[in-house]
Each structure stands twice: as structure tokens, then as C-alpha cells.
Amino acid sequence: MAISPNDDFTAGQVLTATECNQFPRGVMARATSQTTYTLPLNSSLAIATGMTVTFTAVANRYYKITYYEPQVQTPTVLGNSQAYLKQSTFSGTVLGNGVVVNESAVQDQAGVVIYKTMTFTAGSVTLVGTGGTSSLTGAPTFIRDATREALLLVEDIGLA
């Protein structure tokens, strides 16, 4: 779809409904979590604690989605931990993912941010943050607390 930017405005000009509809509508849904989440072992996936949002999408509008895990810990050598942004449920369509790979004997820890800009069919949309690991041992986790909140945010950024 082509982007439909708004017009330049001049003093005395009449603002139309069409022009108003081209403006971004801001935050549509937001979820945060301060609860540390232990990932299921051996590539199983599950919805990460607190990371589900539902909003009503309007057709032909762009939505910017941000999924942020502040600290992902992979405890085993040659293991990896992944965060996924999915539509509907943990088994839904993958919209994006980020991975932390551990290549040393030291625990690997890093934040993961997934950005996605897209349109949806009009109606109710549910997005979930999920996680999983290739590790067979240890306790790979999404580490969260009062100063490290996980975030799932949906913003309407304008007409498509």
C-alpha cells in the first residue's frame, strides 16, 4: 500500500474529516510485566507472562508494534533463547522474533526488541509475546523487575 501523508496547512484553511483521519491515533494497546518468566525448555513455546494485548484494528492503517524484553538469559553453552511476536495465540503467525545465542561457558544476557509496522484486517486483533529456548538444561529466563519491565505496545501511526 502507498503511504498517505497529510497535507501542509495554512492559516485560515478548513480542516476536513479526511485530513483528520490521516493523523496518527496513538497508543491502541499496551501491556507491561515486572514478573520474571522462565522459558519452556527444548524449543517449546508459551505466552510470556503478561504479554498479551487485544485492540480493534481499522483497515488500511499502519500499526507500529514494539515487543521489548529487557534481559534474556541463556544459561547453557551453545544454547539460544528467543522472543517471538505472534498474532492470535502462541501458535499463531510469527510477526517477528529476536534471539540471544550463548557461545561461551558464561551466561549470556541481553535485551531483545522486536519492531514491526503493518496493517491488519478491520476488527479485533490479539498480539502476544512468546518465548522459547533450544536449551535442554538450566533455567533460561526473561528477567524482569521494577526497573526492567517487559513491554508490548501497539501504536496507530497513520493512514496506509
Protein backbone atom coordinates (compact mmCIF):
# COMPACT_ATOMS: atom_id res chain seq x y z
CA MET A 1 0.00 0.00 0.00
CA ALA A 2 1.12 3.53 -0.69
CA ILE A 3 1.61 5.82 2.27
CA SER A 4 -0.95 8.61 2.50
CA PRO A 5 0.76 11.56 4.21
CA ASN A 6 -1.22 14.50 5.49
CA ASP A 7 -1.31 17.93 3.82
CA ASP A 8 0.54 21.10 4.73
CA PHE A 9 -1.83 23.51 6.44
CA THR A 10 -2.03 27.28 6.06
CA ALA A 11 -3.75 29.89 8.21
CA GLY A 12 -7.48 30.16 7.52
CA GLN A 13 -7.70 26.77 5.79
CA VAL A 14 -10.65 24.49 6.65
CA LEU A 15 -9.60 21.21 8.26
CA THR A 16 -11.51 18.30 6.69
CA ALA A 17 -12.55 14.95 8.12
CA THR A 18 -10.31 13.23 5.53
CA GLU A 19 -7.30 15.18 6.76
CA CYS A 20 -8.16 14.40 10.38
CA ASN A 21 -8.39 10.68 9.57
CA GLN A 22 -4.83 10.75 8.24
CA PHE A 23 -3.41 11.75 11.64
CA PRO A 24 -1.94 9.03 13.86
CA ARG A 25 -4.29 7.84 16.59
CA GLY A 26 -1.60 6.99 19.12
CA VAL A 27 -1.47 4.10 21.58
CA MET A 28 -4.03 1.38 20.82
CA ALA A 29 -2.90 -1.25 23.35
CA ARG A 30 -0.20 -1.65 25.98
CA ALA A 31 0.92 -4.40 28.35
CA THR A 32 3.80 -4.43 30.82
CA SER A 33 5.17 -7.05 33.17
CA GLN A 34 7.66 -6.98 36.05
CA THR A 35 7.38 -10.74 36.60
CA THR A 36 10.42 -12.83 35.64
CA TYR A 37 9.45 -15.59 33.23
CA THR A 38 11.21 -18.97 32.93
CA LEU A 39 11.21 -20.19 29.35
CA PRO A 40 9.94 -23.65 28.48
CA LEU A 41 12.84 -25.97 27.63
CA ASN A 42 13.70 -27.63 24.33
CA SER A 43 12.02 -25.36 21.78
CA SER A 44 8.53 -25.41 23.30
CA LEU A 45 6.78 -22.04 23.19
CA ALA A 46 4.45 -20.37 25.65
CA ILE A 47 2.99 -16.90 26.09
CA ALA A 48 5.39 -14.84 28.18
CA THR A 49 3.78 -13.68 31.44
CA GLY A 50 1.71 -10.52 30.91
CA MET A 51 2.48 -10.15 27.21
CA THR A 52 -0.96 -10.22 25.56
CA VAL A 53 -2.86 -7.27 24.08
CA THR A 54 -6.13 -7.00 22.16
CA PHE A 55 -7.29 -3.96 20.21
CA THR A 56 -9.74 -3.07 17.44
CA ALA A 57 -7.91 -2.52 14.17
CA VAL A 58 -9.16 -0.28 11.38
CA ALA A 59 -8.43 -1.43 7.83
CA ASN A 60 -5.85 0.50 5.80
CA ARG A 61 -3.99 1.97 8.78
CA TYR A 62 -0.41 1.34 9.83
CA TYR A 63 0.31 -0.01 13.30
CA LYS A 64 3.75 0.04 14.90
CA ILE A 65 4.24 -2.85 17.32
CA THR A 66 7.04 -2.94 19.87
CA TYR A 67 7.82 -6.01 21.97
CA TYR A 68 10.65 -5.50 24.45
CA GLU A 69 12.22 -7.97 26.86
CA PRO A 70 14.79 -6.13 29.00
CA GLN A 71 17.03 -9.09 29.78
CA VAL A 72 17.08 -12.53 28.21
CA GLN A 73 19.31 -15.09 29.88
CA THR A 74 20.64 -18.19 28.14
CA PRO A 75 22.41 -20.36 30.74
CA THR A 76 23.98 -23.14 28.68
CA VAL A 77 26.82 -23.24 26.19
CA LEU A 78 25.63 -23.15 22.58
CA GLY A 79 22.04 -22.58 23.67
CA ASN A 80 19.72 -19.85 22.48
CA SER A 81 16.67 -18.13 23.85
CA GLN A 82 14.13 -16.47 21.59
CA ALA A 83 11.37 -13.91 21.93
CA TYR A 84 8.59 -14.01 19.34
CA LEU A 85 5.85 -11.55 18.45
CA LYS A 86 2.82 -13.51 17.27
CA GLN A 87 -0.72 -12.82 16.18
CA SER A 88 -3.66 -14.54 17.91
CA THR A 89 -2.03 -17.13 20.20
CA PHE A 90 1.37 -18.66 20.94
CA SER A 91 0.78 -20.95 17.95
CA GLY A 92 -0.30 -18.04 15.71
CA THR A 93 1.51 -16.34 12.83
CA VAL A 94 5.04 -15.17 13.69
CA LEU A 95 5.28 -11.42 13.04
CA GLY A 96 8.87 -11.07 14.27
CA ASN A 97 11.48 -12.59 16.54
CA GLY A 98 14.73 -11.85 18.34
CA VAL A 99 17.32 -14.29 19.62
CA VAL A 100 20.10 -14.37 22.21
CA VAL A 101 22.74 -17.01 21.44
CA ASN A 102 25.22 -18.18 24.07
CA GLU A 103 28.59 -19.21 22.63
CA SER A 104 30.59 -19.36 25.87
CA ALA A 105 30.52 -21.03 29.27
CA VAL A 106 29.32 -17.75 30.78
CA GLN A 107 25.60 -16.98 30.94
CA ASP A 108 24.67 -14.74 28.03
CA GLN A 109 22.30 -11.90 28.84
CA ALA A 110 20.93 -9.22 26.52
CA GLY A 111 17.74 -7.31 25.87
CA VAL A 112 15.57 -8.14 22.87
CA VAL A 113 13.48 -5.61 20.95
CA ILE A 114 11.13 -6.57 18.12
CA TYR A 115 9.63 -3.82 15.95
CA LYS A 116 7.02 -4.43 13.30
CA THR A 117 4.98 -1.98 11.21
CA MET A 118 1.97 -3.47 9.45
CA THR A 119 -1.70 -3.25 8.59
CA PHE A 120 -4.45 -5.58 9.80
CA THR A 121 -7.91 -6.57 8.61
CA ALA A 122 -10.56 -4.50 10.39
CA GLY A 123 -11.73 -5.99 13.67
CA SER A 124 -10.37 -7.42 16.89
CA VAL A 125 -6.64 -8.26 16.85
CA THR A 126 -4.76 -10.11 19.59
CA LEU A 127 -0.98 -9.98 19.76
CA VAL A 128 1.20 -12.00 22.11
CA GLY A 129 4.82 -12.04 23.16
CA THR A 130 6.11 -15.58 23.44
CA GLY A 131 9.41 -17.19 24.31
CA GLY A 132 11.26 -20.44 23.95
CA THR A 133 14.73 -21.90 24.09
CA SER A 134 16.86 -24.56 22.47
CA SER A 135 18.35 -25.34 25.88
CA LEU A 136 17.78 -28.75 27.41
CA THR A 137 19.11 -27.74 30.83
CA GLY A 138 19.35 -24.73 33.10
CA ALA A 139 16.76 -22.04 33.59
CA PRO A 140 16.67 -19.69 30.60
CA THR A 141 14.62 -16.68 31.58
CA PHE A 142 13.21 -13.32 30.61
CA ILE A 143 14.44 -11.36 33.62
CA ARG A 144 12.13 -8.54 34.71
CA ASP A 145 11.62 -6.38 37.79
CA ALA A 146 10.54 -2.87 38.80
CA THR A 147 13.38 -1.28 36.83
CA ARG A 148 13.32 -3.78 33.94
CA GLU A 149 9.76 -4.01 32.63
CA ALA A 150 8.78 -6.06 29.62
CA LEU A 151 6.60 -4.10 27.19
CA LEU A 152 4.17 -4.93 24.38
CA LEU A 153 2.92 -1.72 22.74
CA VAL A 154 0.69 -1.12 19.69
CA GLU A 155 0.53 2.38 18.18
CA ASP A 156 -1.57 3.64 15.27
CA ILE A 157 0.86 5.68 13.15
CA GLY A 158 -1.47 6.79 10.37
CA LEU A 159 -3.32 6.00 7.19
CA ALA A 160 -1.80 3.43 4.86
